[in-house]
Structures are given as structure tokens and as C-alpha cells.
C-alpha atoms as a PDB file:
ATOM      1  CA  MET A   1     218.482 -30.469 114.693  1.00  0.00           C
ATOM      2  CA  VAL A   2     217.487 -33.114 112.212  1.00  0.00           C
ATOM      3  CA  GLN A   3     214.970 -33.410 109.490  1.00  0.00           C
ATOM      4  CA  GLY A   4     211.554 -34.315 110.810  1.00  0.00           C
ATOM      5  CA  ALA A   5     208.185 -35.242 109.328  1.00  0.00           C
ATOM      6  CA  ARG A   6     208.163 -34.506 105.641  1.00  0.00           C
ATOM      7  CA  SER A   7     205.700 -33.751 102.874  1.00  0.00           C
ATOM      8  CA  ASN A   8     206.693 -32.659  99.380  1.00  0.00           C
ATOM      9  CA  THR A   9     207.713 -29.145 100.349  1.00  0.00           C
ATOM     10  CA  THR A  10     207.310 -28.996 104.113  1.00  0.00           C
ATOM     11  CA  TRP A  11     209.363 -30.401 106.979  1.00  0.00           C
ATOM     12  CA  THR A  12     208.717 -30.349 110.722  1.00  0.00           C
ATOM     13  CA  ASP A  13     211.744 -30.250 112.983  1.00  0.00           C
ATOM     14  CA  ASP A  14     212.064 -33.320 115.213  1.00  0.00           C
ATOM     15  CA  ASN A  15     213.649 -31.415 118.091  1.00  0.00           C
ATOM     16  CA  ASP A  16     211.052 -28.646 118.145  1.00  0.00           C
ATOM     17  CA  PRO A  17     207.712 -29.263 116.353  1.00  0.00           C
ATOM     18  CA  ARG A  18     206.989 -25.540 116.445  1.00  0.00           C
ATOM     19  CA  ILE A  19     209.611 -25.044 113.733  1.00  0.00           C
ATOM     20  CA  ILE A  20     208.368 -25.719 110.213  1.00  0.00           C
ATOM     21  CA  TYR A  21     210.573 -25.602 107.098  1.00  0.00           C
ATOM     22  CA  TYR A  22     208.951 -24.534 103.831  1.00  0.00           C
ATOM     23  CA  LEU A  23     210.532 -25.014 100.419  1.00  0.00           C
ATOM     24  CA  ARG A  24     210.325 -21.780  98.412  1.00  0.00           C
ATOM     25  CA  PRO A  25     211.969 -22.293  94.995  1.00  0.00           C
ATOM     26  CA  ARG A  26     211.875 -18.580  94.172  1.00  0.00           C
ATOM     27  CA  ALA A  27     213.292 -17.389  97.482  1.00  0.00           C
ATOM     28  CA  ARG A  28     216.856 -16.100  97.427  1.00  0.00           C
ATOM     29  CA  ARG A  29     217.815 -16.624 101.038  1.00  0.00           C
ATOM     30  CA  ILE A  30     217.012 -18.535 104.187  1.00  0.00           C
ATOM     31  CA  SER A  31     214.669 -16.598 106.453  1.00  0.00           C
ATOM     32  CA  ILE A  32     212.877 -17.108 109.748  1.00  0.00           C
ATOM     33  CA  LYS A  33     209.418 -15.713 110.445  1.00  0.00           C
ATOM     34  CA  MET A  34     207.307 -15.888 113.579  1.00  0.00           C
ATOM     35  CA  ASP A  35     203.772 -17.146 112.927  1.00  0.00           C
ATOM     36  CA  THR A  36     201.743 -15.671 115.785  1.00  0.00           C
ATOM     37  CA  ALA A  37     198.435 -17.162 114.622  1.00  0.00           C
ATOM     38  CA  GLY A  38     199.918 -20.643 114.340  1.00  0.00           C
ATOM     39  CA  ARG A  39     202.148 -20.252 117.409  1.00  0.00           C
ATOM     40  CA  ARG A  40     205.073 -21.546 115.406  1.00  0.00           C
ATOM     41  CA  VAL A  41     208.144 -20.575 113.398  1.00  0.00           C
ATOM     42  CA  SER A  42     208.231 -20.629 109.597  1.00  0.00           C
ATOM     43  CA  VAL A  43     211.642 -21.169 108.004  1.00  0.00           C
ATOM     44  CA  THR A  44     212.092 -20.524 104.291  1.00  0.00           C
ATOM     45  CA  VAL A  45     214.245 -23.049 102.425  1.00  0.00           C
ATOM     46  CA  PRO A  46     215.268 -21.292  99.188  1.00  0.00           C
ATOM     47  CA  GLY A  47     215.875 -22.925  95.842  1.00  0.00           C
ATOM     48  CA  SER A  48     215.727 -26.675  96.297  1.00  0.00           C
ATOM     49  CA  GLU A  49     215.583 -29.411  98.901  1.00  0.00           C
ATOM     50  CA  ARG A  50     219.378 -29.466  98.925  1.00  0.00           C
ATOM     51  CA  ARG A  51     219.306 -26.246 100.983  1.00  0.00           C
ATOM     52  CA  LEU A  52     217.400 -27.909 103.838  1.00  0.00           C
ATOM     53  CA  LYS A  53     220.576 -28.766 105.765  1.00  0.00           C
ATOM     54  CA  ASP A  54     221.736 -25.161 105.408  1.00  0.00           C
ATOM     55  CA  ALA A  55     218.398 -23.980 106.798  1.00  0.00           C
ATOM     56  CA  GLN A  56     218.649 -26.386 109.720  1.00  0.00           C
ATOM     57  CA  LYS A  57     222.153 -25.141 110.497  1.00  0.00           C
ATOM     58  CA  PHE A  58     220.872 -21.557 110.364  1.00  0.00           C
ATOM     59  CA  VAL A  59     218.096 -22.448 112.816  1.00  0.00           C
ATOM     60  CA  ARG A  60     220.592 -24.062 115.192  1.00  0.00           C
ATOM     61  CA  GLU A  61     222.634 -20.869 115.181  1.00  0.00           C
ATOM     62  CA  LYS A  62     219.547 -18.741 115.832  1.00  0.00           C
ATOM     63  CA  TYR A  63     217.778 -21.112 118.213  1.00  0.00           C
ATOM     64  CA  ASP A  64     218.288 -19.010 121.364  1.00  0.00           C
ATOM     65  CA  TRP A  65     216.876 -15.993 119.522  1.00  0.00           C
ATOM     66  CA  ILE A  66     213.959 -18.095 118.261  1.00  0.00           C
ATOM     67  CA  LEU A  67     213.074 -19.153 121.808  1.00  0.00           C
ATOM     68  CA  VAL A  68     213.091 -15.519 122.927  1.00  0.00           C
ATOM     69  CA  GLN A  69     210.762 -14.565 120.064  1.00  0.00           C
ATOM     70  CA  LEU A  70     208.381 -17.425 120.851  1.00  0.00           C
ATOM     71  CA  GLU A  71     208.290 -16.372 124.483  1.00  0.00           C
ATOM     72  CA  ALA A  72     207.572 -12.775 123.455  1.00  0.00           C
ATOM     73  CA  MET A  73     204.565 -13.677 121.309  1.00  0.00           C
ATOM     74  CA  PRO A  74     201.365 -11.982 122.464  1.00  0.00           C
ATOM     75  CA  ILE A  75     199.077 -14.151 124.560  1.00  0.00           C
ATOM     76  CA  ALA A  76     196.868 -16.374 122.446  1.00  0.00           C
ATOM     77  CA  GLN A  77     193.169 -15.506 122.339  1.00  0.00           C
ATOM     78  CA  PRO A  78     191.369 -18.750 121.491  1.00  0.00           C
ATOM     79  CA  TYR A  79     187.668 -18.665 120.749  1.00  0.00           C
ATOM     80  CA  VAL A  80     186.312 -20.149 123.977  1.00  0.00           C
ATOM     81  CA  ASP A  81     183.201 -19.353 125.969  1.00  0.00           C
ATOM     82  CA  GLY A  82     184.145 -16.698 128.528  1.00  0.00           C
ATOM     83  CA  GLY A  83     187.464 -15.951 126.826  1.00  0.00           C
ATOM     84  CA  GLU A  84     188.773 -12.528 125.843  1.00  0.00           C
ATOM     85  CA  VAL A  85     189.029 -11.466 122.205  1.00  0.00           C
ATOM     86  CA  LEU A  86     190.412  -8.260 120.730  1.00  0.00           C
ATOM     87  CA  PHE A  87     187.656  -6.584 118.678  1.00  0.00           C
ATOM     88  CA  ARG A  88     187.568  -3.046 117.287  1.00  0.00           C
ATOM     89  CA  GLY A  89     190.623  -2.222 119.390  1.00  0.00           C
ATOM     90  CA  GLN A  90     189.008  -3.225 122.675  1.00  0.00           C
ATOM     91  CA  THR A  91     188.982  -6.385 124.749  1.00  0.00           C
ATOM     92  CA  TYR A  92     185.631  -8.137 124.425  1.00  0.00           C
ATOM     93  CA  THR A  93     184.418 -11.199 126.296  1.00  0.00           C
ATOM     94  CA  LEU A  94     183.123 -14.021 124.104  1.00  0.00           C
ATOM     95  CA  TYR A  95     179.905 -15.638 125.290  1.00  0.00           C
ATOM     96  CA  SER A  96     177.910 -18.483 123.811  1.00  0.00           C
ATOM     97  CA  PRO A  97     174.667 -18.582 125.840  1.00  0.00           C
ATOM     98  CA  SER A  98     172.837 -20.995 123.552  1.00  0.00           C
ATOM     99  CA  PRO A  99     173.491 -23.122 120.469  1.00  0.00           C
ATOM    100  CA  ARG A 100     171.115 -21.156 118.246  1.00  0.00           C
ATOM    101  CA  GLY A 101     170.719 -17.545 117.221  1.00  0.00           C
ATOM    102  CA  HIS A 102     172.542 -14.857 115.289  1.00  0.00           C
ATOM    103  CA  PRO A 103     175.951 -13.601 116.467  1.00  0.00           C
ATOM    104  CA  TYR A 104     176.200  -9.958 117.493  1.00  0.00           C
ATOM    105  CA  PHE A 105     178.300  -7.660 119.646  1.00  0.00           C
ATOM    106  CA  ASP A 106     177.311  -5.463 122.571  1.00  0.00           C
ATOM    107  CA  GLU A 107     179.502  -2.367 122.421  1.00  0.00           C
ATOM    108  CA  GLU A 108     178.417  -1.055 125.830  1.00  0.00           C
ATOM    109  CA  GLN A 109     179.133  -4.303 127.688  1.00  0.00           C
ATOM    110  CA  ARG A 110     181.968  -5.270 125.352  1.00  0.00           C
ATOM    111  CA  HIS A 111     180.520  -8.688 124.770  1.00  0.00           C
ATOM    112  CA  LEU A 112     180.704 -10.866 121.664  1.00  0.00           C
ATOM    113  CA  ILE A 113     177.611 -13.059 121.650  1.00  0.00           C
ATOM    114  CA  VAL A 114     178.064 -16.073 119.391  1.00  0.00           C
ATOM    115  CA  PRO A 115     175.432 -18.790 119.824  1.00  0.00           C
ATOM    116  CA  ALA A 116     177.001 -22.136 118.972  1.00  0.00           C
ATOM    117  CA  HIS A 117     177.714 -25.634 120.175  1.00  0.00           C
ATOM    118  CA  ALA A 118     181.074 -26.076 121.883  1.00  0.00           C
ATOM    119  CA  ASP A 119     182.583 -27.806 118.855  1.00  0.00           C
ATOM    120  CA  THR A 120     181.425 -25.109 116.428  1.00  0.00           C
ATOM    121  CA  LEU A 121     182.079 -21.980 118.522  1.00  0.00           C
ATOM    122  CA  SER A 122     185.561 -21.383 117.127  1.00  0.00           C
ATOM    123  CA  GLY A 123     184.533 -21.591 113.485  1.00  0.00           C
ATOM    124  CA  ARG A 124     181.375 -19.555 113.946  1.00  0.00           C
ATOM    125  CA  THR A 125     183.205 -16.817 115.845  1.00  0.00           C
ATOM    126  CA  LYS A 126     185.823 -16.512 113.124  1.00  0.00           C
ATOM    127  CA  ARG A 127     183.150 -16.342 110.427  1.00  0.00           C
ATOM    128  CA  PHE A 128     181.346 -13.623 112.387  1.00  0.00           C
ATOM    129  CA  LEU A 129     184.540 -11.556 112.640  1.00  0.00           C
ATOM    130  CA  ILE A 130     185.193 -12.016 108.932  1.00  0.00           C
ATOM    131  CA  ARG A 131     181.686 -10.798 108.094  1.00  0.00           C
ATOM    132  CA  GLU A 132     182.113  -7.757 110.319  1.00  0.00           C
ATOM    133  CA  ALA A 133     185.476  -7.049 108.683  1.00  0.00           C
ATOM    134  CA  ARG A 134     184.039  -7.370 105.185  1.00  0.00           C
ATOM    135  CA  THR A 135     181.207  -4.959 105.980  1.00  0.00           C
ATOM    136  CA  ALA A 136     183.454  -2.334 107.603  1.00  0.00           C
ATOM    137  CA  LEU A 137     186.187  -2.522 104.982  1.00  0.00           C
ATOM    138  CA  THR A 138     183.721  -2.450 102.092  1.00  0.00           C
ATOM    139  CA  ASN A 139     182.061   0.682 103.484  1.00  0.00           C
ATOM    140  CA  CYS A 140     185.364   2.473 104.098  1.00  0.00           C
ATOM    141  CA  THR A 141     186.696   1.504 100.685  1.00  0.00           C
ATOM    142  CA  HIS A 142     183.671   2.865  98.856  1.00  0.00           C
ATOM    143  CA  VAL A 143     183.870   6.125 100.822  1.00  0.00           C
ATOM    144  CA  HIS A 144     187.548   6.733 100.033  1.00  0.00           C
ATOM    145  CA  ALA A 145     187.378   5.499  96.451  1.00  0.00           C
ATOM    146  CA  GLY A 146     184.334   7.683  95.894  1.00  0.00           C
ATOM    147  CA  ALA A 147     186.200  10.708  97.256  1.00  0.00           C
ATOM    148  CA  LEU A 148     188.826  10.073  94.585  1.00  0.00           C
ATOM    149  CA  GLY A 149     186.273   9.557  91.832  1.00  0.00           C
ATOM    150  CA  LYS A 150     187.339   5.929  91.481  1.00  0.00           C
ATOM    151  CA  THR A 151     185.557   2.575  91.471  1.00  0.00           C
ATOM    152  CA  VAL A 152     186.823  -0.626  93.046  1.00  0.00           C
ATOM    153  CA  ASN A 153     185.541  -3.674  91.178  1.00  0.00           C
ATOM    154  CA  LYS A 154     186.284  -6.266  93.821  1.00  0.00           C
ATOM    155  CA  ILE A 155     186.855  -6.118  97.577  1.00  0.00           C
ATOM    156  CA  SER A 156     187.896  -9.235  99.474  1.00  0.00           C
ATOM    157  CA  VAL A 157     189.107 -10.175 102.943  1.00  0.00           C
ATOM    158  CA  ARG A 158     191.657 -12.888 103.632  1.00  0.00           C
ATOM    159  CA  ASP A 159     193.755 -14.262 106.459  1.00  0.00           C
ATOM    160  CA  THR A 160     197.067 -12.790 105.352  1.00  0.00           C
ATOM    161  CA  SER A 161     200.204 -13.090 107.460  1.00  0.00           C
ATOM    162  CA  SER A 162     202.340 -10.185 106.307  1.00  0.00           C
ATOM    163  CA  ARG A 163     200.203  -7.511 104.596  1.00  0.00           C
ATOM    164  CA  TRP A 164     197.204  -5.635 105.902  1.00  0.00           C
ATOM    165  CA  GLY A 165     196.031  -4.771 102.410  1.00  0.00           C
ATOM    166  CA  SER A 166     196.896  -4.830  98.736  1.00  0.00           C
ATOM    167  CA  CYS A 167     195.623  -3.067  95.628  1.00  0.00           C
ATOM    168  CA  VAL A 168     195.916  -4.618  92.177  1.00  0.00           C
ATOM    169  CA  SER A 169     194.735  -3.005  88.948  1.00  0.00           C
ATOM    170  CA  ARG A 170     194.224  -5.118  85.842  1.00  0.00           C
ATOM    171  CA  LYS A 171     192.298  -4.801  82.606  1.00  0.00           C
ATOM    172  CA  SER A 172     189.423  -6.634  84.279  1.00  0.00           C
ATOM    173  CA  GLY A 173     189.271  -3.981  87.015  1.00  0.00           C
ATOM    174  CA  THR A 174     190.663  -3.040  90.392  1.00  0.00           C
ATOM    175  CA  HIS A 175     190.848  -5.518  93.248  1.00  0.00           C
ATOM    176  CA  ILE A 176     191.590  -4.496  96.832  1.00  0.00           C
ATOM    177  CA  SER A 177     192.226  -7.234  99.360  1.00  0.00           C
ATOM    178  CA  TYR A 178     192.478  -6.855 103.132  1.00  0.00           C
ATOM    179  CA  SER A 179     193.311  -8.900 106.190  1.00  0.00           C
ATOM    180  CA  TRP A 180     190.085  -9.668 108.051  1.00  0.00           C
ATOM    181  CA  ARG A 181     192.053  -9.192 111.272  1.00  0.00           C
ATOM    182  CA  LEU A 182     191.771  -5.432 110.827  1.00  0.00           C
ATOM    183  CA  ILE A 183     188.339  -5.711 112.475  1.00  0.00           C
ATOM    184  CA  CYS A 184     190.250  -6.426 115.687  1.00  0.00           C
ATOM    185  CA  ALA A 185     192.074  -3.081 115.439  1.00  0.00           C
ATOM    186  CA  PRO A 186     190.577   0.304 116.378  1.00  0.00           C
ATOM    187  CA  PRO A 187     188.191   1.591 113.681  1.00  0.00           C
ATOM    188  CA  TYR A 188     190.512   4.489 112.805  1.00  0.00           C
ATOM    189  CA  VAL A 189     193.259   1.959 112.000  1.00  0.00           C
ATOM    190  CA  LEU A 190     190.960  -0.066 109.738  1.00  0.00           C
ATOM    191  CA  ASP A 191     189.847   3.146 108.052  1.00  0.00           C
ATOM    192  CA  TYR A 192     193.454   4.236 107.495  1.00  0.00           C
ATOM    193  CA  VAL A 193     194.331   0.935 105.790  1.00  0.00           C
ATOM    194  CA  ALA A 194     191.337   1.343 103.484  1.00  0.00           C
ATOM    195  CA  ALA A 195     192.425   4.900 102.672  1.00  0.00           C
ATOM    196  CA  HIS A 196     195.981   3.702 102.089  1.00  0.00           C
ATOM    197  CA  GLU A 197     194.884   1.107  99.547  1.00  0.00           C
ATOM    198  CA  CYS A 198     192.510   3.531  97.830  1.00  0.00           C
ATOM    199  CA  ALA A 199     195.325   6.073  97.520  1.00  0.00           C
ATOM    200  CA  HIS A 200     197.096   3.458  95.400  1.00  0.00           C
ATOM    201  CA  LEU A 201     194.326   3.917  92.853  1.00  0.00           C
ATOM    202  CA  ILE A 202     196.010   7.245  92.080  1.00  0.00           C
ATOM    203  CA  HIS A 203     199.624   6.597  93.070  1.00  0.00           C
ATOM    204  CA  PRO A 204     200.803   2.963  92.698  1.00  0.00           C
ATOM    205  CA  ASP A 205     203.830   3.659  94.881  1.00  0.00           C
ATOM    206  CA  HIS A 206     204.784   5.125  98.253  1.00  0.00           C
ATOM    207  CA  SER A 207     205.986   8.467  96.992  1.00  0.00           C
ATOM    208  CA  LYS A 208     205.618  11.825  98.703  1.00  0.00           C
ATOM    209  CA  ASN A 209     202.504  12.439  96.618  1.00  0.00           C
ATOM    210  CA  PHE A 210     201.032   9.133  97.765  1.00  0.00           C
ATOM    211  CA  TRP A 211     201.463   9.963 101.457  1.00  0.00           C
ATOM    212  CA  GLY A 212     200.112  13.444 100.819  1.00  0.00           C
ATOM    213  CA  LEU A 213     196.967  11.899  99.352  1.00  0.00           C
ATOM    214  CA  CYS A 214     196.633   9.589 102.361  1.00  0.00           C
ATOM    215  CA  ASP A 215     196.737  12.650 104.606  1.00  0.00           C
ATOM    216  CA  GLU A 216     193.952  14.222 102.531  1.00  0.00           C
ATOM    217  CA  LEU A 217     191.760  11.148 102.938  1.00  0.00           C
ATOM    218  CA  VAL A 218     192.287  10.638 106.683  1.00  0.00           C
ATOM    219  CA  ASP A 219     193.962  12.605 109.468  1.00  0.00           C
ATOM    220  CA  THR A 220     195.143   9.504 111.331  1.00  0.00           C
ATOM    221  CA  VAL A 221     197.978   8.237 109.142  1.00  0.00           C
ATOM    222  CA  ASN A 222     200.766   8.528 111.726  1.00  0.00           C
ATOM    223  CA  PRO A 223     198.849   7.245 114.778  1.00  0.00           C
ATOM    224  CA  ALA A 224     197.394   4.361 112.756  1.00  0.00           C
ATOM    225  CA  LYS A 225     200.818   3.344 111.466  1.00  0.00           C
ATOM    226  CA  ALA A 226     202.208   3.581 114.983  1.00  0.00           C
ATOM    227  CA  TRP A 227     199.384   1.409 116.362  1.00  0.00           C
ATOM    228  CA  LEU A 228     199.991  -1.304 113.779  1.00  0.00           C
ATOM    229  CA  LYS A 229     203.722  -1.258 114.407  1.00  0.00           C
ATOM    230  CA  ARG A 230     203.229  -1.624 118.143  1.00  0.00           C
ATOM    231  CA  HIS A 231     200.188  -3.887 118.315  1.00  0.00           C
ATOM    232  CA  GLY A 232     199.896  -5.554 114.917  1.00  0.00           C
ATOM    233  CA  ASP A 233     201.101  -8.918 116.187  1.00  0.00           C
ATOM    234  CA  LYS A 234     198.213  -8.972 118.667  1.00  0.00           C
ATOM    235  CA  LEU A 235     195.771  -9.155 115.756  1.00  0.00           C
ATOM    236  CA  HIS A 236     197.318 -12.473 114.757  1.00  0.00           C
ATOM    237  CA  ALA A 237     196.874 -13.797 118.290  1.00  0.00           C
ATOM    238  CA  VAL A 238     193.083 -13.597 117.902  1.00  0.00           C
ATOM    239  CA  GLY A 239     191.800 -17.129 117.458  1.00  0.00           C
ATOM    240  CA  ALA A 240     195.215 -18.677 118.105  1.00  0.00           C
ATOM    241  CA  GLU A 241     195.228 -21.837 120.183  1.00  0.00           C
ATOM    242  CA  VAL A 242     197.140 -21.907 123.461  1.00  0.00           C
END
């Protein structure tokens, strides 16, 4: 494999455009990560550009494994009229009956109704899912934080690739951030992640006491963790292009 298209810190492999090399000066080692949402492979080049050849050699050695992992990726769920989208742990059908109107979901029929023009359907569907995620996660966070007698100053949702949530406490207040893709998981999984992050308001670690507090907040810790381990990659397939 040879060096492909290049920007300051990013290189695309000429032999396989699905493989992208990223320069990470603080990284200590070369690593390969599957990007389900982008349908590609992210390769970390540690230190400096001089390690690019080492990373390319590493990819050559692992290329058969990489192809297997790409083949094993969950089926992409692009936002197209009539397509299937994972939402609240169930498969919903996305419909866009008209270009105007407010998006909503029909739980009984398992339909996502997102009025939009063909060229705006993808963006509007994603924004709708993000809004639903923000509402659900904000409600769950306030419930669990309130049960602990704590206040969360800021709640945000992002499109993270490796963490479902994070809790940071500073002098300015506490900030909990979540992956919006949790709205695609069953509600009990979303609720568990909110409880998990709120438990960090008391225990900023993963000690026995921390997990004990999680169990006090919700009774679904083990099944929720198991669901994420088994199906978490499917959440990143939502919105992915074929």
C-alpha cells in the first residue's frame, strides 16, 4: 500500500479508499479502528509523519483481518424514504409523505414521519433524532441527578464514536455529554447510560461503590451493558450511507 491523497494530518490509502490514516501526535502506538458510521477504517499514526510508513506496513499485515471486519459491519441504514431505521430499539420505517410539516414518530405503526424534500430528508431526519435524544436524555438525567440530590449544569448530545456518555466536573459546574445515537437503543439502555453518568457525580471512578450506586438508580445495569456490547455497532449504522 502506498501513501494516497494527503492533507496536513490525514492520508487516504490509494489501494483502498476506505482506509484513512490520521496523525495523532499524542498517540503512543499504531491502532486500527472500524468506523461503522463512515463505513471506513481509521488508522492512527502516532507521533509524527515519519511513522506513516510504519502504519502502512501494519495495515498490510492486517489487511485480511480488516476486510473481514468491513464485511462484518452491520448493514447501513441510510435516511431514505421507505428505508428502515433503528429507533428506540425497534425497526421503524422512514416515510416522507410531503415536503412540509413537523417530524414525528408513530409507535404503534413503527413509522418515522419526516416531511422533507428528497435532498433534505437525510439532514432533517438526523436533526429529528438528535432532538428526540436530547429530550429523552435530559429527562433521564434530571431524574437520576435529582435522586442523588445533585444538579447537572449542562447536558449535551454529540455524535461520538467511542463513548456513550461522559461526565466532567469543573469549577464552572458539571457537564454530562451523551451520544445522540442512544435514542436508537431501547429506552432502558438510554436510561441506564444516564444513570451511569449521574452515578459519576458521586463516584468519579468505576469502583464497587460506583456500580452499587448504579444498581440503586436502575435495575437494568447488566442487561443494558449486554445490549450495548452486542448491538452497539448497529447504532452507528443509523444514517450511514451504503
